[in-house]
């Protein structure tokens, strides 16, 4: 997340400093005309219809219309439905967040992060609040 802050002392655009990585060949990112993306790092293949602020999105992420993702890291192949609100979360690979779900910490602290485990399905119209969500935890 500190890469999003231009004052981090790390110049990732320095031509003398090569970054080697392995990426899947994916289609280009698609940002719908109504989407808003601000201070966000996107990997290839993202499809965004909602709003994303101060976040990092891995490849193949889908964000539905009316959804807002803030201060979060979304891993590969996550599907975020329509009208979802996510703040201060790390969502692991292949997770589905159904329409209308809410994922955020209760006290608003930037230090408290919600962790959603790989391959989970977060039911629509549920609210996840606290420090982590696993299959054995109950939605509130």
Protein backbone atom coordinates (compact mmCIF):
# COMPACT_ATOMS: atom_id res chain seq x y z
CA UNK A 1 0.00 0.00 0.00
CA UNK A 2 2.93 2.35 0.56
CA UNK A 3 3.67 2.24 -3.17
CA UNK A 4 0.53 4.33 -3.62
CA UNK A 5 2.14 7.12 -1.60
CA UNK A 6 4.51 9.04 -3.84
CA UNK A 7 6.61 10.09 -0.83
CA UNK A 8 7.82 6.64 0.14
CA UNK A 9 11.46 7.04 -0.94
CA UNK A 10 11.13 4.30 -3.57
CA UNK A 11 11.29 5.37 -7.22
CA UNK A 12 9.67 2.53 -9.14
CA UNK A 13 10.07 4.55 -12.36
CA UNK A 14 13.88 4.64 -12.12
CA UNK A 15 15.10 3.16 -15.47
CA UNK A 16 18.16 1.71 -13.71
CA UNK A 17 16.03 -0.37 -11.37
CA UNK A 18 14.36 -3.24 -13.19
CA UNK A 19 11.37 -5.01 -11.73
CA UNK A 20 11.04 -8.61 -12.88
CA UNK A 21 7.71 -10.29 -12.44
CA UNK A 22 5.62 -13.07 -13.93
CA UNK A 23 2.16 -12.09 -15.05
CA UNK A 24 -0.52 -14.10 -16.74
CA UNK A 25 -1.47 -12.87 -20.18
CA UNK A 26 -4.75 -11.08 -19.54
CA UNK A 27 -6.94 -8.72 -21.48
CA UNK A 28 -6.50 -5.00 -20.77
CA UNK A 29 -8.29 -3.43 -17.84
CA UNK A 30 -11.79 -2.13 -18.51
CA UNK A 31 -13.06 0.93 -16.68
CA UNK A 32 -16.71 1.66 -17.45
CA UNK A 33 -17.70 5.26 -18.23
CA UNK A 34 -19.33 5.53 -14.78
CA UNK A 35 -16.41 4.07 -12.83
CA UNK A 36 -14.01 6.09 -10.68
CA UNK A 37 -10.47 4.94 -9.88
CA UNK A 38 -8.16 7.09 -7.75
CA UNK A 39 -4.68 6.36 -6.37
CA UNK A 40 -4.99 2.67 -7.17
CA UNK A 41 -2.60 0.07 -8.60
CA UNK A 42 -4.32 -2.23 -11.13
CA UNK A 43 -2.97 -5.46 -12.57
CA UNK A 44 -4.21 -6.72 -15.95
CA UNK A 45 -7.68 -8.02 -16.62
CA UNK A 46 -9.61 -5.94 -14.09
CA UNK A 47 -13.17 -4.92 -14.95
CA UNK A 48 -14.44 -1.98 -12.92
CA UNK A 49 -17.92 -0.50 -12.90
CA UNK A 50 -17.76 0.98 -9.37
CA UNK A 51 -15.40 3.22 -7.39
CA UNK A 52 -11.91 2.22 -6.19
CA UNK A 53 -9.75 4.48 -3.99
CA UNK A 54 -6.31 3.93 -2.38
CA UNK A 55 -6.27 0.22 -3.19
CA UNK A 56 -4.28 -2.50 -4.94
CA UNK A 57 -6.09 -4.88 -7.30
CA UNK A 58 -4.49 -8.07 -8.60
CA UNK A 59 -5.37 -9.50 -12.00
CA UNK A 60 -8.85 -10.56 -13.04
CA UNK A 61 -10.79 -8.60 -10.42
CA UNK A 62 -14.40 -7.62 -11.20
CA UNK A 63 -16.06 -4.76 -9.32
CA UNK A 64 -19.77 -4.25 -9.96
CA UNK A 65 -21.78 -1.12 -10.46
CA UNK A 66 -22.42 0.96 -7.34
CA UNK A 67 -19.66 -0.80 -5.37
CA UNK A 68 -17.01 1.14 -3.44
CA UNK A 69 -13.61 -0.32 -2.51
CA UNK A 70 -11.35 1.84 -0.31
CA UNK A 71 -7.97 1.26 1.37
CA UNK A 72 -7.96 -2.42 0.44
CA UNK A 73 -5.96 -5.14 -1.29
CA UNK A 74 -7.98 -7.39 -3.58
CA UNK A 75 -6.19 -10.54 -4.75
CA UNK A 76 -6.56 -12.41 -8.07
CA UNK A 77 -9.86 -13.43 -9.60
CA UNK A 78 -12.08 -11.88 -6.93
CA UNK A 79 -15.62 -11.02 -7.95
CA UNK A 80 -17.22 -8.11 -6.12
CA UNK A 81 -20.91 -7.76 -6.93
CA UNK A 82 -23.06 -4.66 -7.26
CA UNK A 83 -23.60 -2.14 -4.42
CA UNK A 84 -20.88 -3.68 -2.23
CA UNK A 85 -18.93 -1.53 0.26
CA UNK A 86 -15.41 -2.62 1.26
CA UNK A 87 -13.03 -0.60 3.44
CA UNK A 88 -9.69 -1.61 5.04
CA UNK A 89 -9.77 -5.21 3.86
CA UNK A 90 -7.58 -7.85 2.29
CA UNK A 91 -9.69 -10.15 0.15
CA UNK A 92 -7.88 -13.34 -0.87
CA UNK A 93 -8.01 -15.10 -4.26
CA UNK A 94 -11.14 -16.49 -5.88
CA UNK A 95 -13.49 -14.92 -3.33
CA UNK A 96 -17.00 -13.88 -4.32
CA UNK A 97 -18.59 -10.94 -2.54
CA UNK A 98 -22.27 -11.01 -3.43
CA UNK A 99 -24.44 -7.97 -4.19
CA UNK A 100 -25.07 -5.62 -1.28
CA UNK A 101 -22.47 -7.04 1.14
CA UNK A 102 -20.54 -4.74 3.53
CA UNK A 103 -16.97 -5.44 4.68
CA UNK A 104 -15.39 -2.91 7.06
CA UNK A 105 -13.97 -2.49 10.52
CA UNK A 106 -16.33 -1.16 13.15
CA UNK A 107 -14.13 1.45 14.80
CA UNK A 108 -12.91 3.14 11.60
CA UNK A 109 -9.24 2.67 12.52
CA UNK A 110 -6.84 2.41 9.59
CA UNK A 111 -4.84 -0.13 11.63
CA UNK A 112 -7.66 -2.68 11.87
CA UNK A 113 -7.93 -4.75 8.71
CA UNK A 114 -10.58 -7.28 7.71
CA UNK A 115 -9.08 -10.49 6.30
CA UNK A 116 -11.22 -12.66 4.04
CA UNK A 117 -9.81 -16.10 3.34
CA UNK A 118 -9.26 -17.61 -0.12
CA UNK A 119 -12.25 -18.96 -2.02
CA UNK A 120 -14.94 -17.64 0.33
CA UNK A 121 -18.41 -16.53 -0.70
CA UNK A 122 -19.64 -13.54 1.28
CA UNK A 123 -23.46 -13.63 1.15
CA UNK A 124 -25.33 -10.66 -0.26
CA UNK A 125 -26.77 -8.13 2.15
CA UNK A 126 -24.45 -9.34 4.94
CA UNK A 127 -22.15 -7.15 7.00
CA UNK A 128 -18.69 -8.31 8.02
CA UNK A 129 -17.21 -6.23 10.78
CA UNK A 130 -14.27 -7.11 12.98
CA UNK A 131 -10.81 -8.44 12.27
CA UNK A 132 -11.22 -11.53 10.08
CA UNK A 133 -13.81 -13.66 8.34
CA UNK A 134 -13.54 -17.42 7.97
CA UNK A 135 -16.10 -20.00 7.04
CA UNK A 136 -16.73 -20.88 10.70
CA UNK A 137 -17.39 -17.22 11.62
CA UNK A 138 -20.90 -15.91 11.48
CA UNK A 139 -21.99 -12.86 9.51
CA UNK A 140 -23.57 -10.17 11.65
